[in-house]
Structure formats: C-alpha cells, structure tokens
C-alpha atoms as a PDB file:
ATOM      1  CA  UNK A   1      42.901 -10.767   7.899  1.00  0.00           C
ATOM      2  CA  UNK A   2      41.208 -14.061   7.031  1.00  0.00           C
ATOM      3  CA  UNK A   3      39.046 -13.849  10.148  1.00  0.00           C
ATOM      4  CA  UNK A   4      37.898 -10.375   9.081  1.00  0.00           C
ATOM      5  CA  UNK A   5      36.945 -11.678   5.619  1.00  0.00           C
ATOM      6  CA  UNK A   6      34.959 -14.560   7.130  1.00  0.00           C
ATOM      7  CA  UNK A   7      33.227 -12.132   9.501  1.00  0.00           C
ATOM      8  CA  UNK A   8      32.372  -9.764   6.620  1.00  0.00           C
ATOM      9  CA  UNK A   9      30.904 -12.635   4.586  1.00  0.00           C
ATOM     10  CA  UNK A  10      28.879 -13.830   7.579  1.00  0.00           C
ATOM     11  CA  UNK A  11      27.606 -10.319   8.284  1.00  0.00           C
ATOM     12  CA  UNK A  12      26.748  -9.934   4.601  1.00  0.00           C
ATOM     13  CA  UNK A  13      24.735 -13.180   4.522  1.00  0.00           C
ATOM     14  CA  UNK A  14      22.969 -12.257   7.746  1.00  0.00           C
ATOM     15  CA  UNK A  15      22.134  -8.845   6.330  1.00  0.00           C
ATOM     16  CA  UNK A  16      20.656 -10.365   3.174  1.00  0.00           C
ATOM     17  CA  UNK A  17      18.632 -12.919   5.150  1.00  0.00           C
ATOM     18  CA  UNK A  18      17.366 -10.150   7.444  1.00  0.00           C
ATOM     19  CA  UNK A  19      16.274  -8.039   4.472  1.00  0.00           C
ATOM     20  CA  UNK A  20      14.540 -10.995   2.823  1.00  0.00           C
ATOM     21  CA  UNK A  21      12.713 -11.915   6.039  1.00  0.00           C
ATOM     22  CA  UNK A  22      11.625  -8.330   6.759  1.00  0.00           C
ATOM     23  CA  UNK A  23      10.498  -7.817   3.155  1.00  0.00           C
ATOM     24  CA  UNK A  24       8.446 -11.014   3.157  1.00  0.00           C
ATOM     25  CA  UNK A  25       6.782 -10.099   6.465  1.00  0.00           C
ATOM     26  CA  UNK A  26       5.931  -6.588   5.242  1.00  0.00           C
ATOM     27  CA  UNK A  27       4.452  -7.811   1.955  1.00  0.00           C
ATOM     28  CA  UNK A  28       2.323 -10.405   3.746  1.00  0.00           C
ATOM     29  CA  UNK A  29       1.128  -7.661   6.113  1.00  0.00           C
ATOM     30  CA  UNK A  30       0.153  -5.400   3.208  1.00  0.00           C
ATOM     31  CA  UNK A  31      -1.754  -8.217   1.503  1.00  0.00           C
ATOM     32  CA  UNK A  32      -3.409  -9.084   4.823  1.00  0.00           C
ATOM     33  CA  UNK A  33      -5.004  -5.626   4.896  1.00  0.00           C
ATOM     34  CA  UNK A  34      -7.164  -6.598   1.932  1.00  0.00           C
ATOM     35  CA  UNK A  35      -8.094  -9.964   3.438  1.00  0.00           C
ATOM     36  CA  UNK A  36      -8.961  -8.474   6.827  1.00  0.00           C
ATOM     37  CA  UNK A  37     -11.006  -5.712   5.199  1.00  0.00           C
ATOM     38  CA  UNK A  38     -12.967  -8.155   3.091  1.00  0.00           C
ATOM     39  CA  UNK A  39     -13.472 -10.534   6.029  1.00  0.00           C
ATOM     40  CA  UNK A  40     -14.890  -7.761   8.192  1.00  0.00           C
ATOM     41  CA  UNK A  41     -16.817  -5.690   5.675  1.00  0.00           C
ATOM     42  CA  UNK A  42     -17.894  -8.297   3.142  1.00  0.00           C
ATOM     43  CA  UNK A  43     -19.437 -10.375   5.913  1.00  0.00           C
ATOM     44  CA  UNK A  44     -21.111  -7.289   7.478  1.00  0.00           C
ATOM     45  CA  UNK A  45     -19.214  -7.726  10.764  1.00  0.00           C
ATOM     46  CA  UNK A  46     -18.721  -3.962  11.011  1.00  0.00           C
ATOM     47  CA  UNK A  47     -19.767  -0.844   9.098  1.00  0.00           C
ATOM     48  CA  UNK A  48     -17.148   0.948   6.920  1.00  0.00           C
ATOM     49  CA  UNK A  49     -17.017   4.135   9.030  1.00  0.00           C
ATOM     50  CA  UNK A  50     -16.386   2.224  12.260  1.00  0.00           C
ATOM     51  CA  UNK A  51     -13.858  -0.037  10.550  1.00  0.00           C
ATOM     52  CA  UNK A  52     -11.921   3.013   9.362  1.00  0.00           C
ATOM     53  CA  UNK A  53     -12.014   4.677  12.788  1.00  0.00           C
ATOM     54  CA  UNK A  54     -10.871   1.559  14.655  1.00  0.00           C
ATOM     55  CA  UNK A  55      -8.193   0.801  12.071  1.00  0.00           C
ATOM     56  CA  UNK A  56      -6.677   4.290  12.166  1.00  0.00           C
ATOM     57  CA  UNK A  57      -6.927   4.578  15.964  1.00  0.00           C
ATOM     58  CA  UNK A  58      -5.305   1.196  16.607  1.00  0.00           C
ATOM     59  CA  UNK A  59      -2.624   1.994  14.016  1.00  0.00           C
ATOM     60  CA  UNK A  60      -1.888   5.338  15.695  1.00  0.00           C
ATOM     61  CA  UNK A  61      -1.651   3.759  19.164  1.00  0.00           C
ATOM     62  CA  UNK A  62       0.661   1.005  17.905  1.00  0.00           C
ATOM     63  CA  UNK A  63       2.927   3.360  15.976  1.00  0.00           C
ATOM     64  CA  UNK A  64       3.266   5.828  18.850  1.00  0.00           C
ATOM     65  CA  UNK A  65       4.009   2.950  21.223  1.00  0.00           C
ATOM     66  CA  UNK A  66       6.815   1.866  18.875  1.00  0.00           C
ATOM     67  CA  UNK A  67       8.082   5.465  18.693  1.00  0.00           C
ATOM     68  CA  UNK A  68       8.127   5.711  22.495  1.00  0.00           C
ATOM     69  CA  UNK A  69       9.762   2.310  23.070  1.00  0.00           C
ATOM     70  CA  UNK A  70      12.433   2.884  20.419  1.00  0.00           C
ATOM     71  CA  UNK A  71      13.436   6.241  21.898  1.00  0.00           C
ATOM     72  CA  UNK A  72      12.736   8.146  18.710  1.00  0.00           C
ATOM     73  CA  UNK A  73      12.448  11.895  18.970  1.00  0.00           C
ATOM     74  CA  UNK A  74       8.835  13.055  19.348  1.00  0.00           C
ATOM     75  CA  UNK A  75       8.416  16.127  17.182  1.00  0.00           C
ATOM     76  CA  UNK A  76       5.557  18.588  16.940  1.00  0.00           C
ATOM     77  CA  UNK A  77       3.503  17.932  13.823  1.00  0.00           C
ATOM     78  CA  UNK A  78       4.262  20.248  10.912  1.00  0.00           C
ATOM     79  CA  UNK A  79       1.194  22.235   9.761  1.00  0.00           C
ATOM     80  CA  UNK A  80       1.388  20.533   6.367  1.00  0.00           C
ATOM     81  CA  UNK A  81       1.100  17.133   8.068  1.00  0.00           C
ATOM     82  CA  UNK A  82      -2.668  17.656   7.995  1.00  0.00           C
ATOM     83  CA  UNK A  83      -2.567  17.376   4.199  1.00  0.00           C
ATOM     84  CA  UNK A  84      -0.841  13.985   4.421  1.00  0.00           C
ATOM     85  CA  UNK A  85      -3.268  12.935   7.150  1.00  0.00           C
ATOM     86  CA  UNK A  86      -6.195  13.895   4.902  1.00  0.00           C
ATOM     87  CA  UNK A  87      -4.743  11.761   2.069  1.00  0.00           C
ATOM     88  CA  UNK A  88      -4.359   8.859   4.507  1.00  0.00           C
ATOM     89  CA  UNK A  89      -7.960   9.314   5.652  1.00  0.00           C
ATOM     90  CA  UNK A  90      -9.345   9.414   2.083  1.00  0.00           C
ATOM     91  CA  UNK A  91      -7.424   6.226   1.313  1.00  0.00           C
ATOM     92  CA  UNK A  92      -8.698   4.439   4.414  1.00  0.00           C
ATOM     93  CA  UNK A  93     -12.362   5.466   4.127  1.00  0.00           C
ATOM     94  CA  UNK A  94     -12.566   4.721   0.378  1.00  0.00           C
ATOM     95  CA  UNK A  95     -10.811   1.388   0.977  1.00  0.00           C
ATOM     96  CA  UNK A  96     -13.386   0.441   3.625  1.00  0.00           C
ATOM     97  CA  UNK A  97     -16.463   1.307   1.563  1.00  0.00           C
ATOM     98  CA  UNK A  98     -14.986  -0.412  -1.513  1.00  0.00           C
ATOM     99  CA  UNK A  99     -14.609  -3.719   0.328  1.00  0.00           C
ATOM    100  CA  UNK A 100     -18.322  -3.889   0.944  1.00  0.00           C
ATOM    101  CA  UNK A 101     -18.597  -5.271  -2.587  1.00  0.00           C
ATOM    102  CA  UNK A 102     -15.136  -6.144  -3.943  1.00  0.00           C
ATOM    103  CA  UNK A 103     -13.264  -9.436  -3.577  1.00  0.00           C
ATOM    104  CA  UNK A 104      -9.910  -9.153  -1.793  1.00  0.00           C
ATOM    105  CA  UNK A 105      -7.808  -9.936  -4.875  1.00  0.00           C
ATOM    106  CA  UNK A 106      -9.658  -7.581  -7.220  1.00  0.00           C
ATOM    107  CA  UNK A 107      -9.588  -4.797  -4.641  1.00  0.00           C
ATOM    108  CA  UNK A 108      -5.835  -5.163  -4.076  1.00  0.00           C
ATOM    109  CA  UNK A 109      -5.181  -5.178  -7.820  1.00  0.00           C
ATOM    110  CA  UNK A 110      -7.215  -2.011  -8.458  1.00  0.00           C
ATOM    111  CA  UNK A 111      -5.611  -0.318  -5.441  1.00  0.00           C
ATOM    112  CA  UNK A 112      -2.081  -1.240  -6.472  1.00  0.00           C
ATOM    113  CA  UNK A 113      -2.634  -0.260 -10.109  1.00  0.00           C
ATOM    114  CA  UNK A 114      -4.107   3.115  -9.129  1.00  0.00           C
ATOM    115  CA  UNK A 115      -1.210   3.832  -6.737  1.00  0.00           C
ATOM    116  CA  UNK A 116       1.451   3.149  -9.361  1.00  0.00           C
ATOM    117  CA  UNK A 117      -0.362   4.986 -12.164  1.00  0.00           C
ATOM    118  CA  UNK A 118      -0.826   8.010  -9.895  1.00  0.00           C
ATOM    119  CA  UNK A 119       2.858   8.109  -8.976  1.00  0.00           C
ATOM    120  CA  UNK A 120       3.934   7.793 -12.612  1.00  0.00           C
ATOM    121  CA  UNK A 121       1.542  10.538 -13.767  1.00  0.00           C
ATOM    122  CA  UNK A 122       2.665  12.874 -10.971  1.00  0.00           C
ATOM    123  CA  UNK A 123       6.257  12.320 -12.073  1.00  0.00           C
ATOM    124  CA  UNK A 124       5.302  13.269 -15.631  1.00  0.00           C
ATOM    125  CA  UNK A 125       3.481  16.385 -14.393  1.00  0.00           C
ATOM    126  CA  UNK A 126       6.648  17.417 -12.530  1.00  0.00           C
ATOM    127  CA  UNK A 127       8.563  17.487 -15.793  1.00  0.00           C
ATOM    128  CA  UNK A 128      10.151  14.030 -15.758  1.00  0.00           C
ATOM    129  CA  UNK A 129      10.411  12.637 -19.283  1.00  0.00           C
ATOM    130  CA  UNK A 130       9.334   8.978 -19.359  1.00  0.00           C
ATOM    131  CA  UNK A 131      11.222   6.527 -21.534  1.00  0.00           C
ATOM    132  CA  UNK A 132       9.489   4.411 -24.186  1.00  0.00           C
ATOM    133  CA  UNK A 133       9.383   1.486 -21.714  1.00  0.00           C
ATOM    134  CA  UNK A 134       7.737   3.666 -19.064  1.00  0.00           C
ATOM    135  CA  UNK A 135       5.071   4.852 -21.518  1.00  0.00           C
ATOM    136  CA  UNK A 136       4.443   1.267 -22.651  1.00  0.00           C
ATOM    137  CA  UNK A 137       4.178   0.108 -19.053  1.00  0.00           C
ATOM    138  CA  UNK A 138       1.796   2.940 -18.149  1.00  0.00           C
ATOM    139  CA  UNK A 139      -0.520   2.160 -21.077  1.00  0.00           C
ATOM    140  CA  UNK A 140      -0.433  -1.564 -20.284  1.00  0.00           C
ATOM    141  CA  UNK A 141      -1.300  -0.998 -16.623  1.00  0.00           C
ATOM    142  CA  UNK A 142      -4.046   1.509 -17.392  1.00  0.00           C
ATOM    143  CA  UNK A 143      -5.435  -0.746 -20.117  1.00  0.00           C
ATOM    144  CA  UNK A 144      -5.471  -3.664 -17.693  1.00  0.00           C
ATOM    145  CA  UNK A 145      -7.454  -1.623 -15.176  1.00  0.00           C
ATOM    146  CA  UNK A 146      -9.972  -0.574 -17.823  1.00  0.00           C
ATOM    147  CA  UNK A 147     -10.361  -4.180 -18.952  1.00  0.00           C
ATOM    148  CA  UNK A 148     -10.815  -5.387 -15.360  1.00  0.00           C
ATOM    149  CA  UNK A 149     -13.693  -3.009 -14.597  1.00  0.00           C
ATOM    150  CA  UNK A 150     -15.299  -2.950 -18.062  1.00  0.00           C
ATOM    151  CA  UNK A 151     -18.903  -4.269 -18.199  1.00  0.00           C
ATOM    152  CA  UNK A 152     -19.313  -8.039 -18.273  1.00  0.00           C
ATOM    153  CA  UNK A 153     -20.547 -11.010 -16.270  1.00  0.00           C
ATOM    154  CA  UNK A 154     -17.329 -11.242 -14.232  1.00  0.00           C
ATOM    155  CA  UNK A 155     -16.769  -7.495 -13.885  1.00  0.00           C
ATOM    156  CA  UNK A 156     -16.444  -6.174 -10.321  1.00  0.00           C
ATOM    157  CA  UNK A 157     -19.151  -3.762  -9.048  1.00  0.00           C
ATOM    158  CA  UNK A 158     -18.537  -0.308 -10.595  1.00  0.00           C
ATOM    159  CA  UNK A 159     -19.043   1.701  -7.381  1.00  0.00           C
ATOM    160  CA  UNK A 160     -16.663  -0.492  -5.409  1.00  0.00           C
ATOM    161  CA  UNK A 161     -14.116  -0.298  -8.230  1.00  0.00           C
ATOM    162  CA  UNK A 162     -14.361   3.499  -8.352  1.00  0.00           C
ATOM    163  CA  UNK A 163     -13.962   3.808  -4.583  1.00  0.00           C
ATOM    164  CA  UNK A 164     -10.906   1.546  -4.599  1.00  0.00           C
ATOM    165  CA  UNK A 165      -9.410   3.550  -7.455  1.00  0.00           C
ATOM    166  CA  UNK A 166      -9.915   6.720  -5.383  1.00  0.00           C
ATOM    167  CA  UNK A 167      -8.230   4.942  -2.457  1.00  0.00           C
ATOM    168  CA  UNK A 168      -5.264   4.135  -4.707  1.00  0.00           C
ATOM    169  CA  UNK A 169      -4.946   7.721  -5.936  1.00  0.00           C
ATOM    170  CA  UNK A 170      -5.064   8.987  -2.333  1.00  0.00           C
ATOM    171  CA  UNK A 171      -2.421   6.473  -1.245  1.00  0.00           C
ATOM    172  CA  UNK A 172      -0.202   7.351  -4.197  1.00  0.00           C
ATOM    173  CA  UNK A 173      -0.365  11.056  -3.308  1.00  0.00           C
ATOM    174  CA  UNK A 174       0.220  10.222   0.360  1.00  0.00           C
ATOM    175  CA  UNK A 175       3.306   8.185  -0.566  1.00  0.00           C
ATOM    176  CA  UNK A 176       4.705  10.978  -2.718  1.00  0.00           C
ATOM    177  CA  UNK A 177       4.212  13.500   0.085  1.00  0.00           C
ATOM    178  CA  UNK A 178       6.307  11.250   2.325  1.00  0.00           C
ATOM    179  CA  UNK A 179       9.435  11.643   0.180  1.00  0.00           C
ATOM    180  CA  UNK A 180      12.334  13.019   2.177  1.00  0.00           C
ATOM    181  CA  UNK A 181      10.693  12.612   5.589  1.00  0.00           C
ATOM    182  CA  UNK A 182      13.431  12.418   8.231  1.00  0.00           C
ATOM    183  CA  UNK A 183      11.945   9.580  10.284  1.00  0.00           C
ATOM    184  CA  UNK A 184       9.194   7.756   8.364  1.00  0.00           C
ATOM    185  CA  UNK A 185       7.969   5.908  11.479  1.00  0.00           C
ATOM    186  CA  UNK A 186       7.405   9.141  13.406  1.00  0.00           C
ATOM    187  CA  UNK A 187       5.878  10.717  10.307  1.00  0.00           C
ATOM    188  CA  UNK A 188       3.488   7.804   9.804  1.00  0.00           C
ATOM    189  CA  UNK A 189       2.526   7.787  13.482  1.00  0.00           C
ATOM    190  CA  UNK A 190       1.729  11.506  13.273  1.00  0.00           C
ATOM    191  CA  UNK A 191      -0.348  11.069  10.126  1.00  0.00           C
ATOM    192  CA  UNK A 192      -2.344   8.213  11.648  1.00  0.00           C
ATOM    193  CA  UNK A 193      -3.044  10.254  14.785  1.00  0.00           C
ATOM    194  CA  UNK A 194      -4.158  13.284  12.771  1.00  0.00           C
ATOM    195  CA  UNK A 195      -6.392  11.121  10.536  1.00  0.00           C
ATOM    196  CA  UNK A 196      -8.301   9.659  13.509  1.00  0.00           C
ATOM    197  CA  UNK A 197     -10.485  12.775  14.147  1.00  0.00           C
ATOM    198  CA  UNK A 198     -11.502  12.816  10.471  1.00  0.00           C
ATOM    199  CA  UNK A 199     -12.602   9.187  10.676  1.00  0.00           C
ATOM    200  CA  UNK A 200     -14.479   9.806  13.929  1.00  0.00           C
ATOM    201  CA  UNK A 201     -16.364  12.680  12.288  1.00  0.00           C
ATOM    202  CA  UNK A 202     -17.574  10.314   9.573  1.00  0.00           C
ATOM    203  CA  UNK A 203     -18.617   7.795  12.231  1.00  0.00           C
ATOM    204  CA  UNK A 204     -20.568  10.480  14.084  1.00  0.00           C
ATOM    205  CA  UNK A 205     -22.216  11.660  10.864  1.00  0.00           C
ATOM    206  CA  UNK A 206     -23.333   8.102  10.066  1.00  0.00           C
ATOM    207  CA  UNK A 207     -24.369   7.217  13.615  1.00  0.00           C
ATOM    208  CA  UNK A 208     -27.627   5.606  12.485  1.00  0.00           C
ATOM    209  CA  UNK A 209     -25.734   3.206  10.244  1.00  0.00           C
ATOM    210  CA  UNK A 210     -23.156   2.069  12.785  1.00  0.00           C
ATOM    211  CA  UNK A 211     -23.071  -1.693  13.259  1.00  0.00           C
ATOM    212  CA  UNK A 212     -20.143  -3.240  15.099  1.00  0.00           C
ATOM    213  CA  UNK A 213     -19.665  -6.850  16.197  1.00  0.00           C
ATOM    214  CA  UNK A 214     -16.801  -7.996  18.409  1.00  0.00           C
ATOM    215  CA  UNK A 215     -15.316  -9.962  15.505  1.00  0.00           C
ATOM    216  CA  UNK A 216     -15.513  -6.961  13.190  1.00  0.00           C
ATOM    217  CA  UNK A 217     -13.822  -4.722  15.758  1.00  0.00           C
ATOM    218  CA  UNK A 218     -10.995  -7.207  16.284  1.00  0.00           C
ATOM    219  CA  UNK A 219     -10.439  -7.536  12.530  1.00  0.00           C
ATOM    220  CA  UNK A 220     -10.183  -3.735  12.300  1.00  0.00           C
ATOM    221  CA  UNK A 221      -7.689  -3.713  15.199  1.00  0.00           C
ATOM    222  CA  UNK A 222      -5.596  -6.389  13.489  1.00  0.00           C
ATOM    223  CA  UNK A 223      -5.636  -4.358  10.278  1.00  0.00           C
ATOM    224  CA  UNK A 224      -4.609  -1.140  12.028  1.00  0.00           C
ATOM    225  CA  UNK A 225      -2.186  -2.403  14.654  1.00  0.00           C
ATOM    226  CA  UNK A 226      -0.552  -5.351  12.888  1.00  0.00           C
ATOM    227  CA  UNK A 227      -1.046  -5.200   9.102  1.00  0.00           C
ATOM    228  CA  UNK A 228      -0.767  -1.391   8.931  1.00  0.00           C
ATOM    229  CA  UNK A 229       1.159  -0.107  11.970  1.00  0.00           C
ATOM    230  CA  UNK A 230       3.670  -2.910  12.445  1.00  0.00           C
ATOM    231  CA  UNK A 231       3.665  -3.653   8.719  1.00  0.00           C
ATOM    232  CA  UNK A 232       4.907  -0.150   7.880  1.00  0.00           C
ATOM    233  CA  UNK A 233       7.622  -0.264  10.560  1.00  0.00           C
ATOM    234  CA  UNK A 234       8.854  -3.614   9.209  1.00  0.00           C
ATOM    235  CA  UNK A 235       8.764  -2.271   5.645  1.00  0.00           C
ATOM    236  CA  UNK A 236      10.830   0.799   6.560  1.00  0.00           C
ATOM    237  CA  UNK A 237      13.383  -1.515   8.182  1.00  0.00           C
ATOM    238  CA  UNK A 238      13.464  -3.688   5.041  1.00  0.00           C
ATOM    239  CA  UNK A 239      14.004  -0.650   2.803  1.00  0.00           C
ATOM    240  CA  UNK A 240      17.463  -0.158   4.335  1.00  0.00           C
ATOM    241  CA  UNK A 241      18.594  -3.267   2.454  1.00  0.00           C
ATOM    242  CA  UNK A 242      16.661  -2.681  -0.801  1.00  0.00           C
ATOM    243  CA  UNK A 243      17.342  -0.438  -3.757  1.00  0.00           C
ATOM    244  CA  UNK A 244      14.463   1.755  -4.934  1.00  0.00           C
ATOM    245  CA  UNK A 245      13.910  -0.461  -7.973  1.00  0.00           C
ATOM    246  CA  UNK A 246      13.930  -3.683  -5.954  1.00  0.00           C
ATOM    247  CA  UNK A 247      11.533  -2.183  -3.428  1.00  0.00           C
ATOM    248  CA  UNK A 248       9.128  -1.254  -6.231  1.00  0.00           C
ATOM    249  CA  UNK A 249       9.452  -4.628  -7.963  1.00  0.00           C
ATOM    250  CA  UNK A 250       8.828  -6.752  -4.852  1.00  0.00           C
ATOM    251  CA  UNK A 251       5.610  -4.833  -4.197  1.00  0.00           C
ATOM    252  CA  UNK A 252       4.243  -6.434  -7.358  1.00  0.00           C
ATOM    253  CA  UNK A 253       3.663  -9.524  -5.240  1.00  0.00           C
ATOM    254  CA  UNK A 254       1.114  -7.819  -2.937  1.00  0.00           C
ATOM    255  CA  UNK A 255      -1.936  -8.176  -5.250  1.00  0.00           C
ATOM    256  CA  UNK A 256      -0.869 -11.741  -6.043  1.00  0.00           C
ATOM    257  CA  UNK A 257      -0.623 -12.594  -2.337  1.00  0.00           C
ATOM    258  CA  UNK A 258      -4.009 -10.952  -1.678  1.00  0.00           C
ATOM    259  CA  UNK A 259      -5.652 -12.832  -4.556  1.00  0.00           C
ATOM    260  CA  UNK A 260      -4.121 -16.131  -3.398  1.00  0.00           C
ATOM    261  CA  UNK A 261      -5.265 -15.474   0.158  1.00  0.00           C
ATOM    262  CA  UNK A 262      -8.741 -14.655  -1.139  1.00  0.00           C
ATOM    263  CA  UNK A 263      -8.935 -18.009  -2.906  1.00  0.00           C
ATOM    264  CA  UNK A 264      -7.508 -20.034   0.004  1.00  0.00           C
ATOM    265  CA  UNK A 265      -9.156 -18.331   2.983  1.00  0.00           C
ATOM    266  CA  UNK A 266     -12.242 -16.632   1.561  1.00  0.00           C
ATOM    267  CA  UNK A 267     -13.235 -19.015  -1.227  1.00  0.00           C
ATOM    268  CA  UNK A 268     -12.997 -16.329  -3.910  1.00  0.00           C
ATOM    269  CA  UNK A 269     -12.784 -17.281  -7.585  1.00  0.00           C
ATOM    270  CA  UNK A 270      -9.824 -16.540  -9.873  1.00  0.00           C
ATOM    271  CA  UNK A 271     -11.545 -15.642 -13.138  1.00  0.00           C
ATOM    272  CA  UNK A 272      -9.896 -15.409 -16.543  1.00  0.00           C
ATOM    273  CA  UNK A 273     -10.582 -11.664 -16.513  1.00  0.00           C
ATOM    274  CA  UNK A 274      -8.672 -11.305 -13.241  1.00  0.00           C
ATOM    275  CA  UNK A 275      -5.738 -13.358 -14.551  1.00  0.00           C
ATOM    276  CA  UNK A 276      -5.466 -11.316 -17.767  1.00  0.00           C
ATOM    277  CA  UNK A 277      -5.930  -7.980 -15.986  1.00  0.00           C
ATOM    278  CA  UNK A 278      -3.311  -8.963 -13.390  1.00  0.00           C
ATOM    279  CA  UNK A 279      -0.823  -9.822 -16.124  1.00  0.00           C
ATOM    280  CA  UNK A 280      -1.422  -6.477 -17.878  1.00  0.00           C
ATOM    281  CA  UNK A 281      -1.375  -4.317 -14.732  1.00  0.00           C
ATOM    282  CA  UNK A 282       1.539  -5.970 -12.945  1.00  0.00           C
ATOM    283  CA  UNK A 283       3.488  -6.461 -16.175  1.00  0.00           C
ATOM    284  CA  UNK A 284       2.906  -2.841 -17.115  1.00  0.00           C
ATOM    285  CA  UNK A 285       4.038  -1.581 -13.733  1.00  0.00           C
ATOM    286  CA  UNK A 286       7.147  -3.778 -13.897  1.00  0.00           C
ATOM    287  CA  UNK A 287       7.994  -2.358 -17.336  1.00  0.00           C
ATOM    288  CA  UNK A 288       7.523   1.197 -16.065  1.00  0.00           C
ATOM    289  CA  UNK A 289       9.759   0.565 -13.059  1.00  0.00           C
ATOM    290  CA  UNK A 290      12.480  -1.061 -15.160  1.00  0.00           C
ATOM    291  CA  UNK A 291      12.198   1.678 -17.781  1.00  0.00           C
ATOM    292  CA  UNK A 292      12.617   4.336 -15.119  1.00  0.00           C
ATOM    293  CA  UNK A 293      15.636   2.557 -13.663  1.00  0.00           C
ATOM    294  CA  UNK A 294      17.217   2.181 -17.116  1.00  0.00           C
ATOM    295  CA  UNK A 295      16.664   5.878 -17.878  1.00  0.00           C
ATOM    296  CA  UNK A 296      18.258   6.840 -14.555  1.00  0.00           C
ATOM    297  CA  UNK A 297      21.332   4.709 -15.226  1.00  0.00           C
ATOM    298  CA  UNK A 298      21.735   6.151 -18.728  1.00  0.00           C
ATOM    299  CA  UNK A 299      21.473   9.693 -17.357  1.00  0.00           C
ATOM    300  CA  UNK A 300      24.044   8.937 -14.654  1.00  0.00           C
ATOM    301  CA  UNK A 301      26.388   7.396 -17.239  1.00  0.00           C
ATOM    302  CA  UNK A 302      26.136  10.463 -19.490  1.00  0.00           C
ATOM    303  CA  UNK A 303      26.778  12.750 -16.521  1.00  0.00           C
ATOM    304  CA  UNK A 304      29.908  10.791 -15.570  1.00  0.00           C
ATOM    305  CA  UNK A 305      31.267  10.901 -19.141  1.00  0.00           C
ATOM    306  CA  UNK A 306      30.832  14.669 -19.182  1.00  0.00           C
END
C-alpha cells in the first residue's frame, strides 16, 4: 500500500514537471516565431511571400513526418478544412508583411491582443453572456491596443499594425474552428498542407519582388518546422496537463518573451508606450479569462444545487 502511494506521488511529480517543461518549450517556440520573422523580414533577408511559402511548406513537411512516425491515422481532409487552411494562410501572409516594419515585441503584442479580442467577441456573438470582469477585461485590452497604435513619436507603423491585427483576427478564427477536432496534430498538418498552395500562388503573383537569401530561407524553415510545426505538437502535449484557464493564462507570457527576446537579441527598445500598452492588453486579457472561469464555476454550482 505504502509503495503504491510513493509511486503515485512520484508519478504525480513527474507529470507536473513534464507539463511545466512542455509548456515552457511551447511558449518559447511561439515567441520565437516573432523573433525569426523580424530577423528575416526586418533585415530584408527574404521577401514576405517567399517567407510565408517556405514557413508553411516546412511546417507541413514536419507535421506530416510527425504524424507518420507516431502512427497516427491519416484521414482524408474534410471539405471544410479548406476554410481553416484559408484562415491559417491569411494569418501567415499578414504576419509576414507586418514584420517588414514592426518590432518583434510590438508585433507579438498586437497579434496576441487581436487573437484574444476576436475569440471573446465571437463568444459574445454566439450568445454567451460575459460577466462584468470579462467586459472590463475586453475594454482594457482593446483600449491598450488603441493606445499602442495611436499617433505619436513612438507609435508603430500604421500599416504594419493593421496587418498584424488582421493576422490576429485570422488566427483567432482559425483557433475557434479547431474546437472539437479529434486529433489536433493531424488537423494542423492537414491545414498547413492545404495552405501551401495559397502561399505559392501569392509567390507566383509577386514573382518580380521575390528576393531570397540562404539565411532568410533557413530562418523561414526554422519558423515553420521548429517554432510552428514542433511548437504546436509540444503545445498539444502540454495541454493534456493544463486546465483551459491555465492554458489561456500561461499564453500571456508569449508577448513578454517576444519583447524580451527583441531587446536581448535584436536590440529593440522597450518604450514607455509599449510597457503601458502591454500592462493594459495583458491585464485585460487576464481579467477576461478569470471572469470567464468564475462565471463558468458559478453556473456549474447553480446547476448542481438544482
């Protein structure tokens, strides 16, 4: 009996450590996407269309290799998978063009804020009644975004900001469409593969503007194969040990990690505007997440009492 208790405690500690390690790796990978994009595109190592094509292609190859090696069932793509693939493509292409002018930290913050705001607004449109905390969080986050991109000496370029906001909306819709997918790794691999032709069409249409260096191509491969492909697989593994609320809360660290990486590796500046906007956006999102979780628990408690 005692041996079983010791074994259970050991297994429990190992499970927690595994979840923490996987979560940390996934979050670093997500933040690395912004750094790799800025390194490649901000330094004109590759054009945005080529970066998107290489990123999606390398991500698709990596994900399907993981699917094959893990023995997962290879299913025929559902006709509606093209809609998810289109959302993935719009995210990736807008992301690439945005990083021609945005710093890594600012880009990640706008992207993250747009994703969360989109998901909250879609929930409201589906008839979900937000709590007071959720409304407060939504207004804080949206206000922080407006403040970040409002005119001023330290304001980010408006076109880049708009493109990154579009990327965030597309990613938010893509995430919502993935709810209830049987095997998220197979689903993601399918979406990446279906998004590749769309990216190649853009590359063909902008043939005269294509400009690829070896360094730029390798950065795009790292973004697609490692930060995106392997990053998503690691994240899905981490989710097995995280509640929905914890998973949402830990993602608040991604813009912070990207901004820190931008300062350390790219020499970007942390302005007062970025600090204040980060506090408003991330604080607002945290309030919305906690408000949603509180509302869910209250509803469950009322249902049990009935």
